[in-house]
Amino acid sequence: MGWDFSAYVLNARHLFFGADYYEVVRPPLVSLIIGIFLFLGKISEYIYILIVSVLFFYSIIKLSDVLYEKYFCKFKIKKEFVRFLFYFIGLNGFVLVFGLREGSELLSISFFILFLSSLIKDKISGHYLALAFLTRYSFFVFLPLLLFNWNLRKIIKNLIIFFLVSFPWFLYNYLKWGNWFTSLADSFYMNVVSRQDAVWEFSFLNLFSTINIFIPFFILGLFFFFYKLFRKKENLKYDLLFFVIGIFVLSDIIVTPTKLQRYYFNFIIPVIYFSSLGIVVLFNKLKKKENSKKILLGILIFSFLIVVFVVGFNYFQNKENSKVFFEASKDIQELNLSHCSIVSPHFVPVNYYSGNVHYLGDFEWSINRGEIVLIFNSKTRDDSYLEEDLGNYNLLLKREKYSFFVKEGINSSNCFLNYKDIFPGISDPCKDLSFKFEKIGLGNYFLKFCKFIN
């Protein structure tokens, strides 16, 4: 289980059972789904994984069927073959590794695929985009896709439905924290505004790892698209749609300061489309060459087996890495510190088990306050202390992979008590969110609008 997945479970515990920890920065949908089954304990997480996996399968089949009717049928191949390609490519190694580890990626992409299916069929689709947005805020960037069919009445309907589905969450924000955009602004501040001093370079290696074994077919699909584009004899409506989606995804990655590998996840949509297109074109060329077709299928199956091996290795490696957080939570119980406030750079994965671990801001301030500081050997990008200074502080307990530090004289009987940590990390959501609109010259307009409605 990844960091974000743990945070979604913690949010579910607060929303459904009033637990003391809640991350305002998170969209609500993952936590709401987990929360429905939370009375079953840890089984709720596996039910969530099952629901999302089924939804992803359903969405992929829907999209492949729609595109077969609108486009791929002209290649004179079977619908089942297109279904197989879409699902096979959709389950590539990158998706299997990152799709469920953090909780939101596969769910959001499933709703987005359903949105695309409805959009291509010229049906109402705004509700699916809203659900994707309520799973991951980054899907707001795709709102212009509602213009795809150039039907003014349908565009207005889709926009209304998008905001109607999103409205309950905005209303909850207003009633809970006094601002309609608190969670959205908190997310933008944490992921963009506060990261301006740590901008990462765009990584082609991460991009290629998203495509991984399908790079040759993806390139072939893109080549076929540009070939048709320059010929100007064929309808490029669907090719252009998925090409534009790819541009949107890459643009969003470029403007995001910390370009984590999983932020490339949405690029899997154009990967599925253009890789499938490349394979179909190649398969069509080899139609009369049975041996060549068998070799192509053999390559695909062999590649899939390699992916399964890599994913299995990654799973067991992550499982081993997460054990240390469980062990730290056991020490918290054995030291009778469950009622104390503990702070750590790895606060979320430990808090998943213990319920009383918070974000470590200033090390010195927390120590003097009477909090217990939990430091792991593995670093995070937000560490606010120097490793060489740790020797100046009093050790409560030292393990091979982590240590507990306290102020001299502090123990379980006089520590700083645990507290409710359910508030946003920003004080002015309107001001922070207005930065998002400054690049297009609408910063002041949004700020005035936001202040007016709040």
Protein backbone atom coordinates (compact mmCIF):
# COMPACT_ATOMS: atom_id res chain seq x y z
CA MET A 1 0.00 0.00 0.00
CA GLY A 2 1.31 3.45 -0.95
CA TRP A 3 1.40 6.71 1.00
CA ASP A 4 -1.72 8.17 -0.65
CA PHE A 5 -3.75 4.98 -0.23
CA SER A 6 -3.03 5.12 3.51
CA ALA A 7 -4.17 8.75 3.54
CA TYR A 8 -7.45 7.88 1.80
CA VAL A 9 -8.14 5.18 4.40
CA LEU A 10 -7.41 7.68 7.19
CA ASN A 11 -9.82 10.16 5.58
CA ALA A 12 -12.48 7.45 5.35
CA ARG A 13 -12.09 6.76 9.08
CA HIS A 14 -12.69 10.44 9.81
CA LEU A 15 -15.66 10.84 7.45
CA PHE A 16 -17.46 7.72 8.68
CA PHE A 17 -16.26 7.29 12.26
CA GLY A 18 -14.94 10.72 13.29
CA ALA A 19 -11.26 9.74 13.61
CA ASP A 20 -8.82 12.47 14.67
CA TYR A 21 -6.88 12.73 11.41
CA TYR A 22 -8.05 14.08 8.05
CA GLU A 23 -6.16 15.42 5.02
CA VAL A 24 -8.12 18.30 3.49
CA VAL A 25 -5.87 18.14 0.44
CA ARG A 26 -7.47 14.88 -0.77
CA PRO A 27 -10.46 14.64 -3.16
CA PRO A 28 -13.32 12.69 -1.54
CA LEU A 29 -14.36 9.82 -3.80
CA VAL A 30 -11.77 7.16 -2.92
CA SER A 31 -12.37 7.67 0.81
CA LEU A 32 -16.15 7.59 0.37
CA ILE A 33 -16.03 4.24 -1.44
CA ILE A 34 -13.65 2.72 1.13
CA GLY A 35 -15.69 4.21 3.96
CA ILE A 36 -18.88 2.40 2.92
CA PHE A 37 -17.19 -0.92 3.70
CA LEU A 38 -15.00 0.29 6.55
CA PHE A 39 -17.02 -1.64 9.13
CA LEU A 40 -15.40 -4.76 7.63
CA GLY A 41 -11.94 -3.54 8.66
CA LYS A 42 -9.02 -4.13 6.30
CA ILE A 43 -11.30 -6.14 4.00
CA SER A 44 -12.77 -2.79 2.91
CA GLU A 45 -9.52 -2.00 1.09
CA TYR A 46 -9.67 -5.26 -0.87
CA ILE A 47 -13.33 -4.64 -1.73
CA TYR A 48 -12.32 -1.22 -3.04
CA ILE A 49 -9.57 -2.80 -5.17
CA LEU A 50 -12.08 -5.33 -6.55
CA ILE A 51 -14.65 -2.61 -7.38
CA VAL A 52 -12.06 -0.46 -9.15
CA SER A 53 -10.64 -3.43 -11.09
CA VAL A 54 -14.10 -4.40 -12.35
CA LEU A 55 -14.88 -0.77 -13.23
CA PHE A 56 -11.62 -0.49 -15.17
CA PHE A 57 -12.40 -3.67 -17.12
CA TYR A 58 -15.92 -2.40 -17.88
CA SER A 59 -14.68 1.05 -18.97
CA ILE A 60 -12.01 -0.39 -21.27
CA ILE A 61 -14.55 -2.69 -22.96
CA LYS A 62 -16.96 0.24 -23.40
CA LEU A 63 -14.29 2.42 -25.01
CA SER A 64 -12.98 -0.32 -27.30
CA ASP A 65 -16.53 -1.16 -28.48
CA VAL A 66 -17.33 2.49 -29.20
CA LEU A 67 -14.09 3.03 -31.10
CA TYR A 68 -14.58 -0.23 -32.99
CA GLU A 69 -17.98 0.95 -34.24
CA LYS A 70 -16.72 4.43 -35.08
CA TYR A 71 -13.26 3.65 -36.44
CA PHE A 72 -11.50 0.29 -36.03
CA CYS A 73 -14.14 -1.73 -37.91
CA LYS A 74 -12.79 -0.32 -41.19
CA PHE A 75 -9.66 -2.45 -40.70
CA LYS A 76 -11.88 -5.55 -41.07
CA ILE A 77 -10.83 -7.10 -37.77
CA LYS A 78 -13.00 -8.63 -35.06
CA LYS A 79 -14.40 -6.56 -32.21
CA GLU A 80 -13.05 -9.11 -29.73
CA PHE A 81 -9.52 -8.51 -31.00
CA VAL A 82 -9.81 -4.75 -30.38
CA ARG A 83 -11.21 -5.47 -26.90
CA PHE A 84 -8.25 -7.73 -26.21
CA LEU A 85 -5.75 -5.09 -27.37
CA PHE A 86 -7.27 -2.29 -25.30
CA TYR A 87 -7.41 -4.35 -22.12
CA PHE A 88 -4.03 -5.99 -22.71
CA ILE A 89 -2.29 -2.64 -23.24
CA GLY A 90 -4.35 -1.09 -20.45
CA LEU A 91 -2.88 -3.66 -18.08
CA ASN A 92 0.72 -2.91 -18.97
CA GLY A 93 3.40 -2.97 -16.28
CA PHE A 94 3.17 0.73 -15.45
CA VAL A 95 -0.59 0.50 -14.83
CA LEU A 96 -0.27 -2.65 -12.72
CA VAL A 97 2.47 -1.08 -10.56
CA PHE A 98 0.93 2.38 -10.07
CA GLY A 99 -2.78 1.79 -10.74
CA LEU A 100 -3.83 0.76 -7.24
CA ARG A 101 -0.79 1.36 -5.06
CA GLU A 102 -1.78 4.96 -4.28
CA GLY A 103 -5.53 4.36 -4.51
CA SER A 104 -6.82 6.98 -6.94
CA GLU A 105 -5.11 6.46 -10.31
CA LEU A 106 -7.07 3.48 -11.65
CA LEU A 107 -10.44 4.74 -10.36
CA SER A 108 -9.99 8.19 -11.90
CA ILE A 109 -8.79 6.81 -15.23
CA SER A 110 -11.78 4.42 -15.32
CA PHE A 111 -14.23 7.32 -14.95
CA PHE A 112 -12.30 9.28 -17.56
CA ILE A 113 -12.46 6.36 -20.00
CA LEU A 114 -16.24 6.17 -19.45
CA PHE A 115 -16.35 9.92 -20.09
CA LEU A 116 -14.53 9.42 -23.40
CA SER A 117 -16.85 6.55 -24.38
CA SER A 118 -19.93 8.72 -23.84
CA LEU A 119 -18.30 11.73 -25.50
CA ILE A 120 -17.43 9.77 -28.64
CA LYS A 121 -20.98 8.36 -28.79
CA ASP A 122 -22.25 11.94 -28.49
CA LYS A 123 -24.02 11.18 -25.20
CA ILE A 124 -24.15 13.15 -21.95
CA SER A 125 -20.74 12.67 -20.34
CA GLY A 126 -20.18 15.49 -17.82
CA HIS A 127 -21.00 13.29 -14.81
CA TYR A 128 -18.15 10.89 -15.60
CA LEU A 129 -15.65 13.74 -15.87
CA ALA A 130 -16.92 15.11 -12.55
CA LEU A 131 -16.38 11.72 -10.88
CA ALA A 132 -12.84 11.60 -12.30
CA PHE A 133 -12.28 15.13 -10.94
CA LEU A 134 -13.61 14.12 -7.50
CA THR A 135 -11.09 11.27 -7.54
CA ARG A 136 -8.10 13.31 -8.73
CA TYR A 137 -8.28 17.07 -9.10
CA SER A 138 -5.86 17.00 -12.04
CA PHE A 139 -8.72 15.87 -14.32
CA PHE A 140 -10.12 19.41 -14.26
CA VAL A 141 -7.62 20.14 -17.05
CA PHE A 142 -9.78 18.03 -19.40
CA LEU A 143 -12.88 20.22 -19.03
CA PRO A 144 -12.32 21.75 -22.53
CA LEU A 145 -12.92 18.27 -24.01
CA LEU A 146 -16.63 18.92 -23.44
CA LEU A 147 -16.38 21.08 -26.58
CA PHE A 148 -15.45 18.00 -28.65
CA ASN A 149 -18.81 17.58 -30.41
CA TRP A 150 -19.56 21.28 -30.99
CA ASN A 151 -23.20 20.92 -29.94
CA LEU A 152 -24.00 24.02 -27.86
CA ARG A 153 -27.00 22.49 -26.10
CA LYS A 154 -25.04 19.35 -25.19
CA ILE A 155 -22.02 21.39 -24.06
CA ILE A 156 -24.21 23.41 -21.70
CA LYS A 157 -25.89 20.23 -20.39
CA ASN A 158 -22.53 18.59 -19.76
CA LEU A 159 -21.18 21.65 -17.94
CA ILE A 160 -24.30 21.82 -15.76
CA ILE A 161 -24.09 18.09 -14.94
CA PHE A 162 -20.37 18.40 -14.17
CA PHE A 163 -21.01 21.14 -11.63
CA LEU A 164 -24.13 19.45 -10.20
CA VAL A 165 -22.16 16.26 -9.46
CA SER A 166 -19.28 18.29 -8.00
CA PHE A 167 -21.53 20.66 -6.03
CA PRO A 168 -22.07 18.52 -2.88
CA TRP A 169 -18.31 18.39 -2.31
CA PHE A 170 -17.92 22.14 -2.80
CA LEU A 171 -20.85 22.69 -0.42
CA TYR A 172 -19.23 20.42 2.18
CA ASN A 173 -16.08 22.53 1.90
CA TYR A 174 -18.06 25.71 2.47
CA LEU A 175 -19.99 24.35 5.46
CA LYS A 176 -16.92 22.70 7.02
CA TRP A 177 -14.18 25.27 6.43
CA GLY A 178 -15.96 28.41 5.20
CA ASN A 179 -14.73 28.33 1.60
CA TRP A 180 -16.13 26.49 -1.42
CA PHE A 181 -12.64 25.70 -2.75
CA THR A 182 -10.71 24.81 0.42
CA SER A 183 -9.73 21.25 -0.56
CA LEU A 184 -8.98 22.17 -4.17
CA ALA A 185 -6.86 25.15 -3.10
CA ASP A 186 -5.09 23.09 -0.43
CA SER A 187 -4.19 20.50 -3.08
CA PHE A 188 -2.95 23.14 -5.51
CA TYR A 189 -0.88 24.82 -2.81
CA MET A 190 0.74 21.56 -1.68
CA ASN A 191 1.50 20.22 -5.16
CA VAL A 192 2.35 23.43 -7.03
CA VAL A 193 2.73 26.66 -5.02
CA SER A 194 4.80 25.19 -2.18
CA ARG A 195 7.03 23.28 -4.63
CA GLN A 196 8.28 26.21 -6.69
CA ASP A 197 11.72 25.96 -5.10
CA ALA A 198 12.03 22.26 -6.04
CA VAL A 199 11.18 22.07 -9.73
CA TRP A 200 12.05 18.71 -11.34
CA GLU A 201 13.05 18.33 -14.96
CA PHE A 202 10.67 16.58 -17.33
CA SER A 203 11.77 12.93 -17.53
CA PHE A 204 11.61 11.12 -20.86
CA LEU A 205 12.63 7.99 -18.98
CA ASN A 206 9.42 8.21 -16.92
CA LEU A 207 7.45 8.83 -20.09
CA PHE A 208 8.98 5.79 -21.79
CA SER A 209 8.31 3.66 -18.69
CA THR A 210 4.63 4.59 -19.06
CA ILE A 211 4.64 3.11 -22.57
CA ASN A 212 7.25 0.42 -21.72
CA ILE A 213 6.97 -2.72 -23.90
CA PHE A 214 4.53 -1.05 -26.30
CA ILE A 215 6.94 1.69 -27.47
CA PRO A 216 7.36 0.20 -31.02
CA PHE A 217 3.59 -0.11 -31.50
CA PHE A 218 2.95 3.34 -30.00
CA ILE A 219 5.45 4.91 -32.41
CA LEU A 220 3.89 2.99 -35.32
CA GLY A 221 0.42 4.24 -34.31
CA LEU A 222 1.67 7.84 -34.12
CA PHE A 223 3.42 7.45 -37.49
CA PHE A 224 0.16 6.20 -39.05
CA PHE A 225 -1.69 9.19 -37.53
CA PHE A 226 0.78 11.73 -38.98
CA TYR A 227 0.76 9.89 -42.30
CA LYS A 228 -3.02 10.33 -42.50
CA LEU A 229 -2.70 13.92 -41.27
CA PHE A 230 -0.44 14.91 -44.16
CA ARG A 231 -2.55 13.01 -46.69
CA LYS A 232 -5.64 14.93 -45.51
CA LYS A 233 -7.94 12.32 -47.01
CA GLU A 234 -9.32 10.61 -43.92
CA ASN A 235 -11.40 11.56 -40.90
CA LEU A 236 -8.94 12.21 -38.07
CA LYS A 237 -11.52 13.09 -35.41
CA TYR A 238 -10.67 10.27 -33.00
CA ASP A 239 -6.93 10.30 -33.68
CA LEU A 240 -6.89 14.03 -32.91
CA LEU A 241 -8.92 13.53 -29.73
CA PHE A 242 -6.40 11.12 -28.25
CA PHE A 243 -3.46 13.16 -29.53
CA VAL A 244 -4.88 16.26 -27.80
CA ILE A 245 -5.38 14.24 -24.59
CA GLY A 246 -1.69 13.34 -24.74
CA ILE A 247 -0.77 17.03 -25.17
CA PHE A 248 -2.99 17.97 -22.20
CA VAL A 249 -1.36 15.32 -20.00
CA LEU A 250 2.19 16.30 -20.94
CA SER A 251 1.43 20.02 -20.47
CA ASP A 252 0.02 19.34 -17.01
CA ILE A 253 3.13 17.34 -16.08
CA ILE A 254 5.45 20.09 -17.33
CA VAL A 255 3.81 22.83 -15.19
CA THR A 256 3.77 20.59 -12.09
CA PRO A 257 7.00 21.22 -10.11
CA THR A 258 7.57 17.74 -8.63
CA LYS A 259 7.14 15.33 -11.52
CA LEU A 260 6.72 12.04 -9.68
CA GLN A 261 6.67 8.97 -11.91
CA ARG A 262 3.03 8.23 -11.16
CA TYR A 263 2.05 11.71 -12.39
CA TYR A 264 2.60 10.32 -15.90
CA PHE A 265 -0.23 7.83 -15.30
CA ASN A 266 -2.88 9.64 -17.37
CA PHE A 267 -0.67 9.31 -20.44
CA ILE A 268 -1.79 5.68 -20.54
CA ILE A 269 -4.92 6.84 -22.42
CA PRO A 270 -3.10 7.87 -25.63
CA VAL A 271 -0.77 4.89 -25.11
CA ILE A 272 -3.72 2.48 -25.25
CA TYR A 273 -5.18 4.13 -28.34
CA PHE A 274 -2.06 4.63 -30.47
CA SER A 275 -0.45 1.32 -29.47
CA SER A 276 -3.67 -0.50 -30.40
CA LEU A 277 -3.75 1.42 -33.67
CA GLY A 278 -0.13 0.47 -34.38
CA ILE A 279 -0.78 -3.23 -33.68
CA VAL A 280 -3.96 -3.22 -35.81
CA VAL A 281 -2.14 -1.60 -38.74
CA LEU A 282 0.72 -4.11 -38.42
CA PHE A 283 -1.71 -7.02 -38.04
CA ASN A 284 -3.54 -5.88 -41.15
CA LYS A 285 -0.30 -5.85 -43.13
CA LEU A 286 0.46 -9.39 -41.94
CA LYS A 287 -3.05 -10.68 -42.59
CA LYS A 288 -1.94 -13.18 -45.21
CA LYS A 289 1.22 -14.19 -43.37
CA GLU A 290 0.09 -16.59 -40.65
CA ASN A 291 3.59 -17.22 -39.31
CA SER A 292 4.23 -13.49 -38.91
CA LYS A 293 0.93 -13.07 -37.04
CA LYS A 294 1.83 -15.92 -34.71
CA ILE A 295 5.25 -14.36 -34.05
CA LEU A 296 3.59 -11.02 -33.24
CA LEU A 297 1.17 -12.66 -30.80
CA GLY A 298 4.06 -14.62 -29.28
CA ILE A 299 5.99 -11.40 -28.69
CA LEU A 300 2.96 -9.84 -26.98
CA ILE A 301 2.43 -12.85 -24.70
CA PHE A 302 6.14 -13.08 -23.83
CA SER A 303 6.19 -9.35 -23.05
CA PHE A 304 3.17 -9.78 -20.79
CA LEU A 305 4.92 -12.54 -18.84
CA ILE A 306 7.90 -10.24 -18.28
CA VAL A 307 5.52 -7.56 -17.01
CA VAL A 308 3.90 -10.02 -14.58
CA PHE A 309 7.33 -10.90 -13.19
CA VAL A 310 8.29 -7.22 -12.75
CA VAL A 311 4.97 -6.39 -11.09
CA GLY A 312 5.26 -9.37 -8.74
CA PHE A 313 8.77 -8.33 -7.73
CA ASN A 314 7.60 -4.75 -7.17
CA TYR A 315 4.69 -5.93 -5.01
CA PHE A 316 6.84 -7.99 -2.66
CA GLN A 317 9.44 -5.22 -2.47
CA ASN A 318 6.79 -2.66 -1.45
CA LYS A 319 5.29 -5.09 1.04
CA GLU A 320 8.69 -5.53 2.67
CA ASN A 321 9.25 -1.75 2.77
CA SER A 322 5.90 -1.11 4.50
CA LYS A 323 6.68 -3.55 7.34
CA VAL A 324 8.87 -0.96 9.05
CA PHE A 325 5.89 1.36 9.58
CA PHE A 326 3.87 -1.42 11.18
CA GLU A 327 6.81 -2.25 13.44
CA ALA A 328 7.08 1.41 14.49
CA SER A 329 3.37 1.45 15.37
CA LYS A 330 3.87 -1.65 17.54
CA ASP A 331 6.64 0.17 19.41
CA ILE A 332 4.30 3.12 19.95
CA GLN A 333 1.84 0.78 21.67
CA GLU A 334 4.50 -1.05 23.68
CA LEU A 335 5.96 2.26 24.90
CA ASN A 336 2.45 3.34 25.95
CA LEU A 337 2.58 6.37 23.63
CA SER A 338 -0.79 5.92 21.90
CA HIS A 339 -2.19 9.01 23.66
CA CYS A 340 0.88 11.15 22.84
CA SER A 341 1.40 13.36 19.81
CA ILE A 342 4.10 11.83 17.63
CA VAL A 343 5.54 13.66 14.62
CA SER A 344 7.45 12.16 11.70
CA PRO A 345 8.39 12.84 8.07
CA HIS A 346 6.70 9.46 7.37
CA PHE A 347 3.58 10.43 9.31
CA VAL A 348 0.91 9.00 6.97
CA PRO A 349 2.04 5.33 6.69
CA VAL A 350 2.64 5.11 10.46
CA ASN A 351 -0.59 6.93 11.27
CA TYR A 352 -2.45 4.32 9.22
CA TYR A 353 -1.58 1.84 11.99
CA SER A 354 -1.36 4.03 15.10
CA GLY A 355 -3.70 7.01 14.62
CA ASN A 356 -1.57 9.55 16.51
CA VAL A 357 1.27 10.50 14.15
CA HIS A 358 1.39 13.95 12.54
CA TYR A 359 3.50 15.90 10.08
CA LEU A 360 6.93 16.94 11.36
CA GLY A 361 7.47 20.64 10.74
CA ASP A 362 10.27 22.19 12.76
CA PHE A 363 12.22 19.49 14.63
CA GLU A 364 13.40 21.76 17.47
CA TRP A 365 9.95 23.26 18.03
CA SER A 366 8.30 19.81 18.23
CA ILE A 367 10.90 18.53 20.71
CA ASN A 368 10.51 21.58 22.97
CA ARG A 369 6.73 21.23 22.77
CA GLY A 370 6.95 17.78 24.32
CA GLU A 371 6.12 15.79 21.20
CA ILE A 372 7.88 12.53 20.35
CA VAL A 373 9.78 12.70 17.06
CA LEU A 374 9.97 9.51 14.98
CA ILE A 375 12.76 9.47 12.38
CA PHE A 376 13.28 6.70 9.81
CA ASN A 377 16.54 5.99 8.01
CA SER A 378 14.84 6.59 4.65
CA LYS A 379 14.60 10.28 3.78
CA THR A 380 11.70 12.26 2.29
CA ARG A 381 11.81 15.37 0.10
CA ASP A 382 10.30 17.43 2.94
CA ASP A 383 12.83 16.63 5.68
CA SER A 384 13.41 19.77 7.77
CA TYR A 385 16.36 18.57 9.84
CA LEU A 386 20.02 17.74 9.37
CA GLU A 387 20.98 14.13 9.99
CA GLU A 388 24.19 15.12 11.78
CA ASP A 389 22.16 17.15 14.32
CA LEU A 390 20.16 14.13 15.53
CA GLY A 391 22.96 13.16 17.91
CA ASN A 392 22.20 16.30 19.94
CA TYR A 393 18.77 14.99 20.98
CA ASN A 394 17.70 12.52 23.63
CA LEU A 395 16.89 9.02 22.35
CA LEU A 396 13.80 7.29 23.70
CA LEU A 397 14.22 4.16 21.56
CA LYS A 398 16.55 3.20 18.72
CA ARG A 399 15.86 0.47 16.19
CA GLU A 400 17.80 -0.57 13.11
CA LYS A 401 15.56 1.40 10.71
CA TYR A 402 14.10 4.16 12.90
CA SER A 403 14.51 6.05 16.18
CA PHE A 404 12.28 7.90 18.67
CA PHE A 405 13.59 11.25 19.97
CA VAL A 406 12.24 13.23 22.96
CA LYS A 407 13.15 16.19 25.11
CA GLU A 408 14.99 15.10 28.23
CA GLY A 409 12.49 14.24 30.96
CA ILE A 410 9.59 13.62 28.57
CA ASN A 411 7.86 10.23 28.75
CA SER A 412 4.42 8.69 28.33
CA SER A 413 3.10 10.41 31.47
CA ASN A 414 3.94 14.02 30.52
CA CYS A 415 4.16 14.05 26.70
CA PHE A 416 2.22 16.48 24.53
CA LEU A 417 -1.19 14.86 24.04
CA ASN A 418 -2.56 13.74 20.69
CA TYR A 419 -4.96 16.19 19.02
CA LYS A 420 -7.44 16.46 16.15
CA ASP A 421 -5.58 17.09 12.91
CA ILE A 422 -8.44 17.83 10.52
CA PHE A 423 -7.82 21.38 9.34
CA PRO A 424 -6.55 22.80 6.02
CA GLY A 425 -2.92 23.78 5.66
CA ILE A 426 -3.72 27.17 4.11
CA SER A 427 -5.42 30.27 5.50
CA ASP A 428 -6.56 31.97 2.28
CA PRO A 429 -7.82 29.44 -0.33
CA CYS A 430 -8.94 32.17 -2.74
CA LYS A 431 -5.51 33.79 -2.87
CA ASP A 432 -3.65 30.49 -3.24
CA LEU A 433 -5.95 29.14 -5.94
CA SER A 434 -5.84 32.43 -7.89
CA PHE A 435 -2.18 31.66 -8.73
CA LYS A 436 -3.45 28.86 -11.00
CA PHE A 437 -5.25 31.44 -13.15
CA GLU A 438 -2.48 34.05 -13.26
CA LYS A 439 -0.72 32.47 -16.25
CA ILE A 440 -3.82 33.05 -18.39
CA GLY A 441 -4.38 36.55 -17.02
CA LEU A 442 -7.44 35.66 -14.91
CA GLY A 443 -5.85 35.64 -11.45
CA ASN A 444 -7.42 38.88 -10.20
CA TYR A 445 -10.82 38.03 -11.71
CA PHE A 446 -10.89 34.64 -9.99
CA LEU A 447 -9.73 36.18 -6.70
CA LYS A 448 -12.58 38.71 -6.77
CA PHE A 449 -15.11 36.02 -7.72
CA CYS A 450 -13.87 33.68 -4.99
CA LYS A 451 -13.99 36.40 -2.33
CA PHE A 452 -17.50 37.37 -3.47
CA ILE A 453 -19.05 33.89 -3.16
CA ASN A 454 -17.29 33.14 0.12
